[in-house]
C-alpha atoms as a PDB file:
ATOM      1  CA  MET A   1     -26.078  41.732 -21.236  1.00  0.00           C
ATOM      2  CA  PRO A   2     -22.654  39.600 -20.945  1.00  0.00           C
ATOM      3  CA  ASN A   3     -19.098  41.244 -19.839  1.00  0.00           C
ATOM      4  CA  LYS A   4     -16.346  42.280 -21.976  1.00  0.00           C
ATOM      5  CA  SER A   5     -14.270  39.407 -20.976  1.00  0.00           C
ATOM      6  CA  THR A   6     -16.999  37.110 -21.788  1.00  0.00           C
ATOM      7  CA  ILE A   7     -17.281  37.883 -25.279  1.00  0.00           C
ATOM      8  CA  VAL A   8     -13.438  37.906 -25.279  1.00  0.00           C
ATOM      9  CA  LEU A   9     -13.418  34.301 -24.551  1.00  0.00           C
ATOM     10  CA  ALA A  10     -15.966  33.276 -26.452  1.00  0.00           C
ATOM     11  CA  SER A  11     -14.689  34.979 -29.823  1.00  0.00           C
ATOM     12  CA  LEU A  12     -11.316  32.997 -28.924  1.00  0.00           C
ATOM     13  CA  LEU A  13     -13.033  29.370 -28.516  1.00  0.00           C
ATOM     14  CA  LEU A  14     -14.402  29.797 -32.011  1.00  0.00           C
ATOM     15  CA  SER A  15     -11.758  31.384 -33.648  1.00  0.00           C
ATOM     16  CA  GLY A  16      -9.632  28.554 -32.982  1.00  0.00           C
ATOM     17  CA  ALA A  17      -8.367  28.874 -29.391  1.00  0.00           C
ATOM     18  CA  PRO A  18      -8.541  25.006 -29.198  1.00  0.00           C
ATOM     19  CA  ALA A  19      -5.852  24.705 -31.681  1.00  0.00           C
ATOM     20  CA  LEU A  20      -3.649  26.704 -29.726  1.00  0.00           C
ATOM     21  CA  ALA A  21      -3.984  24.730 -26.612  1.00  0.00           C
ATOM     22  CA  GLN A  22      -3.290  21.624 -28.302  1.00  0.00           C
ATOM     23  CA  ASN A  23      -0.402  23.033 -29.814  1.00  0.00           C
ATOM     24  CA  SER A  24       1.036  23.356 -25.999  1.00  0.00           C
ATOM     25  CA  LEU A  25       0.491  19.909 -25.688  1.00  0.00           C
ATOM     26  CA  LYS A  26       3.979  18.092 -25.735  1.00  0.00           C
ATOM     27  CA  PRO A  27       4.194  14.395 -25.969  1.00  0.00           C
ATOM     28  CA  ASP A  28       5.545  12.179 -22.945  1.00  0.00           C
ATOM     29  CA  THR A  29       9.043  11.685 -23.750  1.00  0.00           C
ATOM     30  CA  THR A  30       9.854   8.982 -20.904  1.00  0.00           C
ATOM     31  CA  PRO A  31       6.122   6.647 -21.754  1.00  0.00           C
ATOM     32  CA  ALA A  32       5.792   4.241 -19.223  1.00  0.00           C
ATOM     33  CA  LEU A  33       6.493   0.718 -20.949  1.00  0.00           C
ATOM     34  CA  PRO A  34       6.502  -2.882 -19.842  1.00  0.00           C
ATOM     35  CA  VAL A  35      10.231  -4.248 -19.304  1.00  0.00           C
ATOM     36  CA  GLN A  36      11.658  -5.739 -22.404  1.00  0.00           C
ATOM     37  CA  GLU A  37      13.948  -8.775 -22.300  1.00  0.00           C
ATOM     38  CA  GLY A  38      17.144  -8.320 -20.641  1.00  0.00           C
ATOM     39  CA  GLN A  39      16.527  -5.003 -19.060  1.00  0.00           C
ATOM     40  CA  ALA A  40      16.219  -4.411 -15.358  1.00  0.00           C
ATOM     41  CA  LEU A  41      13.004  -3.477 -13.583  1.00  0.00           C
ATOM     42  CA  PRO A  42      12.319  -0.131 -13.118  1.00  0.00           C
ATOM     43  CA  ALA A  43      13.591   1.330 -10.082  1.00  0.00           C
ATOM     44  CA  ALA A  44       9.755   1.991  -8.959  1.00  0.00           C
ATOM     45  CA  ASP A  45       8.890  -1.253  -9.082  1.00  0.00           C
ATOM     46  CA  LYS A  46      11.886  -2.282  -7.077  1.00  0.00           C
ATOM     47  CA  GLU A  47      10.951  -0.023  -5.043  1.00  0.00           C
ATOM     48  CA  PHE A  48       7.313  -1.582  -4.315  1.00  0.00           C
ATOM     49  CA  LEU A  49       8.368  -4.805  -4.281  1.00  0.00           C
ATOM     50  CA  GLN A  50      11.186  -3.753  -1.022  1.00  0.00           C
ATOM     51  CA  HIS A  51       8.483  -1.785   0.501  1.00  0.00           C
ATOM     52  CA  ALA A  52       5.711  -4.499   0.087  1.00  0.00           C
ATOM     53  CA  ASN A  53       8.058  -7.119   1.413  1.00  0.00           C
ATOM     54  CA  ASN A  54       9.180  -4.851   4.509  1.00  0.00           C
ATOM     55  CA  MET A  55       5.423  -3.929   5.673  1.00  0.00           C
ATOM     56  CA  SER A  56       4.546  -8.082   5.021  1.00  0.00           C
ATOM     57  CA  LEU A  57       7.832  -9.027   7.373  1.00  0.00           C
ATOM     58  CA  ALA A  58       6.660  -6.206  10.215  1.00  0.00           C
ATOM     59  CA  GLU A  59       2.997  -7.803   9.662  1.00  0.00           C
ATOM     60  CA  ILE A  60       4.048 -11.006  10.510  1.00  0.00           C
ATOM     61  CA  GLU A  61       5.951 -10.133  13.861  1.00  0.00           C
ATOM     62  CA  ALA A  62       3.136  -8.247  14.879  1.00  0.00           C
ATOM     63  CA  ALA A  63       0.101 -10.701  14.276  1.00  0.00           C
ATOM     64  CA  LYS A  64       2.691 -13.196  15.802  1.00  0.00           C
ATOM     65  CA  LEU A  65       2.648 -10.782  19.013  1.00  0.00           C
ATOM     66  CA  GLY A  66      -1.183 -10.382  18.756  1.00  0.00           C
ATOM     67  CA  ALA A  67      -1.627 -14.376  18.246  1.00  0.00           C
ATOM     68  CA  GLU A  68       0.424 -14.720  21.461  1.00  0.00           C
ATOM     69  CA  LYS A  69      -0.908 -11.665  23.439  1.00  0.00           C
ATOM     70  CA  ALA A  70      -4.255 -10.116  22.792  1.00  0.00           C
ATOM     71  CA  SER A  71      -6.666 -10.871  25.222  1.00  0.00           C
ATOM     72  CA  ASP A  72      -9.641 -10.953  22.858  1.00  0.00           C
ATOM     73  CA  PRO A  73      -9.933 -14.304  21.398  1.00  0.00           C
ATOM     74  CA  ALA A  74     -11.514 -13.135  18.136  1.00  0.00           C
ATOM     75  CA  LEU A  75      -8.053 -11.115  18.054  1.00  0.00           C
ATOM     76  CA  LYS A  76      -5.967 -13.971  18.727  1.00  0.00           C
ATOM     77  CA  ALA A  77      -7.818 -15.606  16.214  1.00  0.00           C
ATOM     78  CA  LEU A  78      -7.114 -12.924  13.413  1.00  0.00           C
ATOM     79  CA  SER A  79      -3.714 -12.848  14.441  1.00  0.00           C
ATOM     80  CA  THR A  80      -3.301 -16.245  13.637  1.00  0.00           C
ATOM     81  CA  GLU A  81      -4.984 -15.707  10.444  1.00  0.00           C
ATOM     82  CA  LEU A  82      -2.837 -12.239   9.473  1.00  0.00           C
ATOM     83  CA  VAL A  83       0.118 -14.449  10.198  1.00  0.00           C
ATOM     84  CA  ALA A  84      -0.329 -17.030   7.726  1.00  0.00           C
ATOM     85  CA  LYS A  85      -1.642 -14.560   5.182  1.00  0.00           C
ATOM     86  CA  HIS A  86       1.422 -12.452   5.240  1.00  0.00           C
ATOM     87  CA  GLU A  87       4.071 -15.058   5.089  1.00  0.00           C
ATOM     88  CA  ALA A  88       2.388 -16.693   1.780  1.00  0.00           C
ATOM     89  CA  LEU A  89       2.734 -12.811   0.818  1.00  0.00           C
ATOM     90  CA  SER A  90       5.917 -12.617   1.457  1.00  0.00           C
ATOM     91  CA  LYS A  91       6.815 -15.833  -0.072  1.00  0.00           C
ATOM     92  CA  ARG A  92       4.823 -14.029  -3.281  1.00  0.00           C
ATOM     93  CA  LEU A  93       7.013 -11.143  -3.312  1.00  0.00           C
ATOM     94  CA  GLN A  94      10.098 -12.898  -3.002  1.00  0.00           C
ATOM     95  CA  GLU A  95       8.938 -15.014  -6.287  1.00  0.00           C
ATOM     96  CA  GLU A  96       7.872 -11.489  -8.236  1.00  0.00           C
ATOM     97  CA  ALA A  97      11.126 -10.458  -7.131  1.00  0.00           C
ATOM     98  CA  ALA A  98      12.941 -13.925  -8.766  1.00  0.00           C
ATOM     99  CA  ARG A  99      10.798 -13.809 -11.907  1.00  0.00           C
ATOM    100  CA  PHE A 100      12.001  -9.751 -12.770  1.00  0.00           C
ATOM    101  CA  GLN A 101      15.586 -11.017 -11.846  1.00  0.00           C
ATOM    102  CA  THR A 102      15.126  -8.350  -8.745  1.00  0.00           C
ATOM    103  CA  PRO A 103      17.053 -10.545  -6.295  1.00  0.00           C
ATOM    104  CA  ASP A 104      17.782  -7.635  -3.870  1.00  0.00           C
ATOM    105  CA  VAL A 105      14.494  -7.536  -2.355  1.00  0.00           C
ATOM    106  CA  LYS A 106      14.997  -8.590   1.136  1.00  0.00           C
ATOM    107  CA  PRO A 107      14.101  -7.448   4.707  1.00  0.00           C
ATOM    108  CA  ASP A 108      15.512  -3.757   5.284  1.00  0.00           C
ATOM    109  CA  ALA A 109      18.395  -3.353   7.384  1.00  0.00           C
ATOM    110  CA  GLY A 110      17.259  -0.919   9.311  1.00  0.00           C
ATOM    111  CA  ARG A 111      14.235  -2.702  10.399  1.00  0.00           C
ATOM    112  CA  ALA A 112      11.995   0.398  10.822  1.00  0.00           C
ATOM    113  CA  TRP A 113       9.190  -1.092  12.278  1.00  0.00           C
ATOM    114  CA  ASP A 114      11.071  -2.802  15.708  1.00  0.00           C
ATOM    115  CA  ALA A 115       9.916   0.072  17.290  1.00  0.00           C
ATOM    116  CA  ASP A 116       6.701  -0.660  17.036  1.00  0.00           C
ATOM    117  CA  ILE A 117       6.643  -4.061  17.943  1.00  0.00           C
ATOM    118  CA  GLN A 118       8.829  -2.988  20.976  1.00  0.00           C
ATOM    119  CA  ARG A 119       6.206  -0.662  22.161  1.00  0.00           C
ATOM    120  CA  LEU A 120       3.611  -3.438  21.763  1.00  0.00           C
ATOM    121  CA  GLN A 121       5.827  -5.821  23.686  1.00  0.00           C
ATOM    122  CA  GLY A 122       5.310  -3.474  26.462  1.00  0.00           C
ATOM    123  CA  LEU A 123       1.426  -3.546  26.633  1.00  0.00           C
ATOM    124  CA  ASP A 124      -1.049  -6.312  28.189  1.00  0.00           C
ATOM    125  CA  GLY A 125      -4.415  -7.045  28.089  1.00  0.00           C
ATOM    126  CA  GLU A 126      -7.430  -4.402  26.744  1.00  0.00           C
ATOM    127  CA  ALA A 127      -4.203  -2.025  26.618  1.00  0.00           C
ATOM    128  CA  PHE A 128      -2.197  -4.297  24.222  1.00  0.00           C
ATOM    129  CA  ASP A 129      -5.436  -5.007  22.277  1.00  0.00           C
ATOM    130  CA  LYS A 130      -6.388  -1.117  21.342  1.00  0.00           C
ATOM    131  CA  GLU A 131      -2.758  -0.121  20.345  1.00  0.00           C
ATOM    132  CA  TYR A 132      -2.778  -3.424  18.279  1.00  0.00           C
ATOM    133  CA  VAL A 133      -5.985  -3.154  16.478  1.00  0.00           C
ATOM    134  CA  SER A 134      -5.282   0.472  15.599  1.00  0.00           C
ATOM    135  CA  TRP A 135      -1.113  -0.151  14.753  1.00  0.00           C
ATOM    136  CA  GLN A 136      -2.942  -2.937  12.513  1.00  0.00           C
ATOM    137  CA  MET A 137      -5.746  -0.583  10.948  1.00  0.00           C
ATOM    138  CA  ARG A 138      -2.804   2.422  10.085  1.00  0.00           C
ATOM    139  CA  VAL A 139      -0.453  -0.464   8.676  1.00  0.00           C
ATOM    140  CA  HIS A 140      -3.316  -1.957   6.384  1.00  0.00           C
ATOM    141  CA  GLN A 141      -4.498   1.372   5.025  1.00  0.00           C
ATOM    142  CA  ARG A 142      -0.626   1.456   3.714  1.00  0.00           C
ATOM    143  CA  LEU A 143      -0.715  -1.546   2.287  1.00  0.00           C
ATOM    144  CA  VAL A 144      -4.091  -1.019   0.353  1.00  0.00           C
ATOM    145  CA  ALA A 145      -2.703   2.654  -0.902  1.00  0.00           C
ATOM    146  CA  LEU A 146       0.648   0.698  -1.561  1.00  0.00           C
ATOM    147  CA  TYR A 147      -1.057  -2.137  -3.709  1.00  0.00           C
ATOM    148  CA  GLN A 148      -3.238   0.439  -5.506  1.00  0.00           C
ATOM    149  CA  LYS A 149      -0.452   2.843  -6.366  1.00  0.00           C
ATOM    150  CA  GLN A 150       1.367  -0.178  -7.855  1.00  0.00           C
ATOM    151  CA  ALA A 151      -1.526  -1.729 -10.177  1.00  0.00           C
ATOM    152  CA  SER A 152      -2.462   1.807 -11.385  1.00  0.00           C
ATOM    153  CA  ASP A 153       1.025   2.909 -11.924  1.00  0.00           C
ATOM    154  CA  SER A 154       3.390   0.280 -12.968  1.00  0.00           C
ATOM    155  CA  PRO A 155       4.170  -0.688 -16.765  1.00  0.00           C
ATOM    156  CA  GLN A 156       4.830  -4.047 -16.159  1.00  0.00           C
ATOM    157  CA  THR A 157       1.808  -5.611 -16.806  1.00  0.00           C
ATOM    158  CA  GLU A 158       2.253  -8.649 -15.030  1.00  0.00           C
ATOM    159  CA  LEU A 159       3.620  -7.116 -11.957  1.00  0.00           C
ATOM    160  CA  ALA A 160       0.706  -4.778 -12.040  1.00  0.00           C
ATOM    161  CA  LYS A 161      -1.855  -7.692 -12.088  1.00  0.00           C
ATOM    162  CA  PHE A 162      -0.460  -9.164  -8.959  1.00  0.00           C
ATOM    163  CA  ALA A 163      -0.857  -5.815  -6.951  1.00  0.00           C
ATOM    164  CA  ILE A 164      -4.221  -5.480  -8.146  1.00  0.00           C
ATOM    165  CA  THR A 165      -5.485  -9.197  -6.805  1.00  0.00           C
ATOM    166  CA  THR A 166      -3.697  -8.916  -3.566  1.00  0.00           C
ATOM    167  CA  MET A 167      -5.111  -5.450  -3.012  1.00  0.00           C
ATOM    168  CA  ASN A 168      -7.894  -6.989  -3.032  1.00  0.00           C
ATOM    169  CA  GLU A 169      -6.672  -9.590  -0.571  1.00  0.00           C
ATOM    170  CA  ILE A 170      -5.416  -6.787   1.888  1.00  0.00           C
ATOM    171  CA  GLN A 171      -8.630  -4.921   1.225  1.00  0.00           C
ATOM    172  CA  GLN A 172     -10.373  -7.865   3.213  1.00  0.00           C
ATOM    173  CA  GLN A 173      -8.103  -8.532   5.680  1.00  0.00           C
ATOM    174  CA  PHE A 174      -8.350  -4.570   6.273  1.00  0.00           C
ATOM    175  CA  ASN A 175     -12.487  -4.504   6.712  1.00  0.00           C
ATOM    176  CA  GLY A 176     -11.838  -7.597   9.353  1.00  0.00           C
ATOM    177  CA  ILE A 177      -9.733  -5.271  11.216  1.00  0.00           C
ATOM    178  CA  LYS A 178     -11.907  -2.306  10.890  1.00  0.00           C
ATOM    179  CA  GLU A 179     -14.326  -4.570  12.381  1.00  0.00           C
ATOM    180  CA  ALA A 180     -11.887  -5.233  15.245  1.00  0.00           C
ATOM    181  CA  GLY A 181     -11.406  -1.868  15.792  1.00  0.00           C
ATOM    182  CA  ALA A 182     -15.208  -0.670  16.148  1.00  0.00           C
ATOM    183  CA  LYS A 183     -15.316  -2.732  19.562  1.00  0.00           C
ATOM    184  CA  PHE A 184     -12.818  -0.475  20.879  1.00  0.00           C
ATOM    185  CA  GLY A 185     -14.465   2.839  19.488  1.00  0.00           C
ATOM    186  CA  LEU A 186     -11.640   3.058  16.840  1.00  0.00           C
ATOM    187  CA  GLU A 187     -12.383   4.337  13.465  1.00  0.00           C
ATOM    188  CA  ILE A 188      -9.491   4.686  10.404  1.00  0.00           C
ATOM    189  CA  ASP A 189     -10.030   8.376  10.588  1.00  0.00           C
ATOM    190  CA  ALA A 190      -8.775   8.376  14.274  1.00  0.00           C
ATOM    191  CA  VAL A 191      -5.986   5.730  14.347  1.00  0.00           C
ATOM    192  CA  GLY A 192      -2.829   9.007  12.803  1.00  0.00           C
ATOM    193  CA  GLN A 193      -0.688   8.415   9.841  1.00  0.00           C
ATOM    194  CA  PRO A 194       0.250   4.567   8.601  1.00  0.00           C
ATOM    195  CA  PRO A 195       3.534   3.752   8.918  1.00  0.00           C
ATOM    196  CA  GLN A 196       5.992   4.298   6.006  1.00  0.00           C
ATOM    197  CA  TYR A 197       8.082   1.048   6.526  1.00  0.00           C
END
């Protein structure tokens, strides 16, 4: 036999409670709309361009170091490839910023990644390889999340399209880095929090 609360709930549902629930819904007073001519890019989109560019600049510096210092030949080759890809990506980010009249997307004055680069410079051999791959895994995890969020959230259709296309490229890089990490017994769950440049 149904209990008293079940009977009350059933009678509310049957008596028009959905109408009451619908009455409590309020329209979004600030809907996300594409930028109109003459309007500035929303702050979240500018922030995405800035963060994405900072992370590519950090990636370029670290990957150059990997191409120079890695003791594993496959890791050297991967690093050389990452330099080229992130140099091209940084250029594309600058072009997107120019297209949306956001010229202030430039390297972060604080260069939050300098401490990471210095730490990597102090290592050699397999110790360098392992720490470098771990860093790459964390950064690419963050990059995938950053581009995925932008692709999902941006009201600017062209910028969202750029983000989803680029995210697929970064995911391919991430897959290669995870393979390199497997050689050192590294898994993404074990590499710690990704940097927030």
